[in-house]
Amino acid sequence: MHLLIPDLARDRAAELAQESRRPRRDPSQRPDRRRQVRHVLAVVLVRLSLASASAVRRLDACLADDLLRPVSRPDGA
């Protein structure tokens, strides 16, 4: 791995030099509509993620409860 470090450093230096030559866009020049859409999508994804995590926790709790209950046999043995 240590033999690749100089190559990685040269690649990173080349990337930084290329980025410095690109014109940078001012984020305030973006239309507000796009920013609003992205924000709404981010909020929806966060809520979906929280809901799915909650459902997984609930299923996990149900399965854990089922595993702790003693199994009764129908024949009484």
N, C-alpha and C. Protein backbone atom coordinates (compact mmCIF):
# COMPACT_ATOMS: atom_id res chain seq x y z
N MET A 1 0.82 -1.18 0.00
CA MET A 1 0.00 0.00 0.00
C MET A 1 0.87 1.25 0.00
N HIS A 2 1.94 1.26 0.81
CA HIS A 2 2.77 2.44 0.92
C HIS A 2 3.46 2.80 -0.39
N LEU A 3 3.60 1.84 -1.29
CA LEU A 3 4.22 2.13 -2.58
C LEU A 3 3.28 2.92 -3.49
N LEU A 4 1.99 2.87 -3.22
CA LEU A 4 1.01 3.58 -4.06
C LEU A 4 0.77 5.01 -3.61
N ILE A 5 1.25 5.39 -2.44
CA ILE A 5 0.98 6.72 -1.91
C ILE A 5 1.50 7.84 -2.81
N PRO A 6 2.71 7.76 -3.37
CA PRO A 6 3.14 8.84 -4.27
C PRO A 6 2.25 8.98 -5.51
N ASP A 7 1.78 7.86 -6.05
CA ASP A 7 0.88 7.92 -7.20
C ASP A 7 -0.45 8.56 -6.83
N LEU A 8 -0.97 8.19 -5.66
CA LEU A 8 -2.21 8.79 -5.19
C LEU A 8 -2.05 10.29 -4.97
N ALA A 9 -0.92 10.69 -4.43
CA ALA A 9 -0.67 12.11 -4.19
C ALA A 9 -0.60 12.87 -5.50
N ARG A 10 0.04 12.31 -6.51
CA ARG A 10 0.11 12.97 -7.82
C ARG A 10 -1.28 13.09 -8.44
N ASP A 11 -2.08 12.02 -8.34
CA ASP A 11 -3.44 12.06 -8.89
C ASP A 11 -4.26 13.12 -8.19
N ARG A 12 -4.16 13.20 -6.87
CA ARG A 12 -4.94 14.19 -6.11
C ARG A 12 -4.49 15.61 -6.46
N ALA A 13 -3.19 15.81 -6.62
CA ALA A 13 -2.67 17.14 -7.00
C ALA A 13 -3.19 17.53 -8.38
N ALA A 14 -3.25 16.57 -9.31
CA ALA A 14 -3.77 16.86 -10.65
C ALA A 14 -5.25 17.20 -10.58
N GLU A 15 -6.01 16.50 -9.75
CA GLU A 15 -7.44 16.81 -9.60
C GLU A 15 -7.64 18.20 -9.03
N LEU A 16 -6.86 18.56 -8.02
CA LEU A 16 -6.97 19.89 -7.43
C LEU A 16 -6.62 20.99 -8.42
N ALA A 17 -5.60 20.74 -9.24
CA ALA A 17 -5.22 21.73 -10.25
C ALA A 17 -6.32 21.89 -11.28
N GLN A 18 -6.96 20.79 -11.66
CA GLN A 18 -8.04 20.85 -12.65
C GLN A 18 -9.25 21.57 -12.06
N GLU A 19 -9.55 21.34 -10.79
CA GLU A 19 -10.69 22.00 -10.15
C GLU A 19 -10.46 23.50 -10.04
N SER A 20 -9.22 23.90 -9.82
CA SER A 20 -8.96 25.33 -9.67
C SER A 20 -9.10 26.07 -11.00
N ARG A 21 -8.98 25.35 -12.11
CA ARG A 21 -9.14 25.99 -13.43
C ARG A 21 -10.60 26.13 -13.84
N ARG A 22 -11.48 25.33 -13.23
CA ARG A 22 -12.90 25.40 -13.58
C ARG A 22 -13.53 26.65 -12.99
N PRO A 23 -14.44 27.26 -13.73
CA PRO A 23 -15.16 28.40 -13.15
C PRO A 23 -16.14 27.90 -12.09
N ARG A 24 -16.18 28.58 -10.97
CA ARG A 24 -17.08 28.17 -9.89
C ARG A 24 -18.39 28.91 -10.01
N ARG A 25 -19.47 28.19 -9.72
CA ARG A 25 -20.80 28.79 -9.75
C ARG A 25 -21.16 29.30 -8.36
N ASP A 26 -21.80 30.41 -8.35
CA ASP A 26 -22.27 30.97 -7.10
C ASP A 26 -23.58 30.29 -6.74
N PRO A 27 -23.68 29.67 -5.55
CA PRO A 27 -24.91 28.96 -5.19
C PRO A 27 -26.13 29.87 -5.11
N SER A 28 -25.92 31.15 -4.90
CA SER A 28 -27.06 32.06 -4.82
C SER A 28 -27.67 32.34 -6.19
N GLN A 29 -27.01 31.95 -7.27
CA GLN A 29 -27.53 32.16 -8.61
C GLN A 29 -28.50 31.07 -9.04
N ARG A 30 -28.57 30.00 -8.28
CA ARG A 30 -29.50 28.93 -8.62
C ARG A 30 -30.93 29.40 -8.40
N PRO A 31 -31.82 28.89 -9.21
CA PRO A 31 -33.22 29.25 -8.98
C PRO A 31 -33.72 28.68 -7.65
N ASP A 32 -34.55 29.43 -6.98
CA ASP A 32 -35.08 28.98 -5.69
C ASP A 32 -35.96 27.76 -5.85
N ARG A 33 -36.57 27.60 -7.00
CA ARG A 33 -37.47 26.46 -7.23
C ARG A 33 -36.73 25.14 -7.08
N ARG A 34 -35.55 25.05 -7.66
CA ARG A 34 -34.78 23.81 -7.57
C ARG A 34 -34.40 23.52 -6.13
N ARG A 35 -34.04 24.55 -5.40
CA ARG A 35 -33.65 24.37 -4.00
C ARG A 35 -34.84 23.89 -3.19
N GLN A 36 -36.01 24.44 -3.47
CA GLN A 36 -37.21 24.02 -2.74
C GLN A 36 -37.57 22.57 -3.04
N VAL A 37 -37.46 22.19 -4.30
CA VAL A 37 -37.78 20.81 -4.69
C VAL A 37 -36.82 19.85 -4.00
N ARG A 38 -35.55 20.19 -3.99
CA ARG A 38 -34.56 19.32 -3.34
C ARG A 38 -34.84 19.22 -1.84
N HIS A 39 -35.21 20.33 -1.25
CA HIS A 39 -35.50 20.31 0.19
C HIS A 39 -36.71 19.42 0.49
N VAL A 40 -37.75 19.56 -0.31
CA VAL A 40 -38.95 18.74 -0.11
C VAL A 40 -38.61 17.27 -0.29
N LEU A 41 -37.84 16.94 -1.32
CA LEU A 41 -37.45 15.55 -1.54
C LEU A 41 -36.61 15.02 -0.38
N ALA A 42 -35.72 15.84 0.13
CA ALA A 42 -34.90 15.41 1.27
C ALA A 42 -35.77 15.14 2.50
N VAL A 43 -36.73 16.00 2.75
CA VAL A 43 -37.62 15.81 3.89
C VAL A 43 -38.44 14.53 3.72
N VAL A 44 -38.94 14.30 2.51
CA VAL A 44 -39.73 13.09 2.25
C VAL A 44 -38.87 11.84 2.45
N LEU A 45 -37.65 11.87 1.96
CA LEU A 45 -36.77 10.70 2.13
C LEU A 45 -36.43 10.47 3.60
N VAL A 46 -36.23 11.54 4.36
CA VAL A 46 -35.94 11.38 5.78
C VAL A 46 -37.13 10.77 6.50
N ARG A 47 -38.31 11.24 6.20
CA ARG A 47 -39.51 10.70 6.86
C ARG A 47 -39.75 9.25 6.47
N LEU A 48 -39.52 8.93 5.20
CA LEU A 48 -39.65 7.54 4.75
C LEU A 48 -38.64 6.65 5.46
N SER A 49 -37.43 7.14 5.61
CA SER A 49 -36.40 6.38 6.29
C SER A 49 -36.76 6.16 7.76
N LEU A 50 -37.26 7.21 8.42
CA LEU A 50 -37.66 7.07 9.82
C LEU A 50 -38.83 6.10 9.97
N ALA A 51 -39.77 6.16 9.04
CA ALA A 51 -40.93 5.26 9.11
C ALA A 51 -40.49 3.81 8.91
N SER A 52 -39.61 3.58 7.96
CA SER A 52 -39.16 2.20 7.73
C SER A 52 -38.33 1.70 8.90
N ALA A 53 -37.53 2.56 9.50
CA ALA A 53 -36.75 2.15 10.67
C ALA A 53 -37.68 1.82 11.83
N SER A 54 -38.73 2.60 11.98
CA SER A 54 -39.70 2.32 13.04
C SER A 54 -40.39 0.98 12.81
N ALA A 55 -40.76 0.71 11.57
CA ALA A 55 -41.40 -0.56 11.24
C ALA A 55 -40.46 -1.73 11.51
N VAL A 56 -39.21 -1.57 11.18
CA VAL A 56 -38.24 -2.64 11.41
C VAL A 56 -38.06 -2.88 12.90
N ARG A 57 -38.00 -1.80 13.69
CA ARG A 57 -37.89 -1.97 15.14
C ARG A 57 -39.11 -2.67 15.70
N ARG A 58 -40.28 -2.32 15.19
CA ARG A 58 -41.52 -2.96 15.68
C ARG A 58 -41.53 -4.45 15.34
N LEU A 59 -41.16 -4.79 14.10
CA LEU A 59 -41.10 -6.20 13.72
C LEU A 59 -40.06 -6.95 14.55
N ASP A 60 -38.94 -6.31 14.81
CA ASP A 60 -37.91 -6.94 15.62
C ASP A 60 -38.42 -7.20 17.02
N ALA A 61 -39.14 -6.25 17.58
CA ALA A 61 -39.70 -6.44 18.93
C ALA A 61 -40.73 -7.58 18.93
N CYS A 62 -41.55 -7.65 17.90
CA CYS A 62 -42.55 -8.72 17.82
C CYS A 62 -41.88 -10.09 17.69
N LEU A 63 -40.86 -10.15 16.86
CA LEU A 63 -40.16 -11.42 16.70
C LEU A 63 -39.44 -11.82 17.98
N ALA A 64 -38.88 -10.85 18.68
CA ALA A 64 -38.20 -11.15 19.94
C ALA A 64 -39.19 -11.66 20.97
N ASP A 65 -40.38 -11.06 21.01
CA ASP A 65 -41.41 -11.54 21.93
C ASP A 65 -41.83 -12.96 21.60
N ASP A 66 -41.97 -13.26 20.32
CA ASP A 66 -42.36 -14.61 19.92
C ASP A 66 -41.28 -15.63 20.27
N LEU A 67 -40.04 -15.23 20.19
CA LEU A 67 -38.96 -16.16 20.49
C LEU A 67 -38.85 -16.44 21.99
N LEU A 68 -39.29 -15.50 22.82
CA LEU A 68 -39.19 -15.68 24.27
C LEU A 68 -40.35 -16.47 24.86
N ARG A 69 -41.46 -16.53 24.15
CA ARG A 69 -42.62 -17.26 24.67
C ARG A 69 -42.37 -18.77 24.59
N PRO A 70 -42.80 -19.48 25.60
CA PRO A 70 -42.62 -20.94 25.53
C PRO A 70 -43.55 -21.53 24.47
N VAL A 71 -43.06 -22.53 23.84
CA VAL A 71 -43.85 -23.18 22.80
C VAL A 71 -44.69 -24.27 23.46
N SER A 72 -46.00 -24.16 23.36
CA SER A 72 -46.88 -25.18 23.95
C SER A 72 -47.25 -26.19 22.87
N ARG A 73 -47.23 -27.41 23.27
CA ARG A 73 -47.56 -28.47 22.31
C ARG A 73 -49.05 -28.77 22.42
N PRO A 74 -49.70 -29.00 21.30
CA PRO A 74 -51.15 -29.27 21.32
C PRO A 74 -51.52 -30.57 22.03
N ASP A 75 -50.62 -31.54 22.09
CA ASP A 75 -50.97 -32.80 22.74
C ASP A 75 -50.76 -32.79 24.25
N GLY A 76 -50.25 -31.68 24.78
CA GLY A 76 -50.07 -31.53 26.22
C GLY A 76 -48.83 -32.19 26.76
N ALA A 77 -47.95 -32.68 25.93
CA ALA A 77 -46.76 -33.38 26.41
C ALA A 77 -45.63 -32.43 26.69
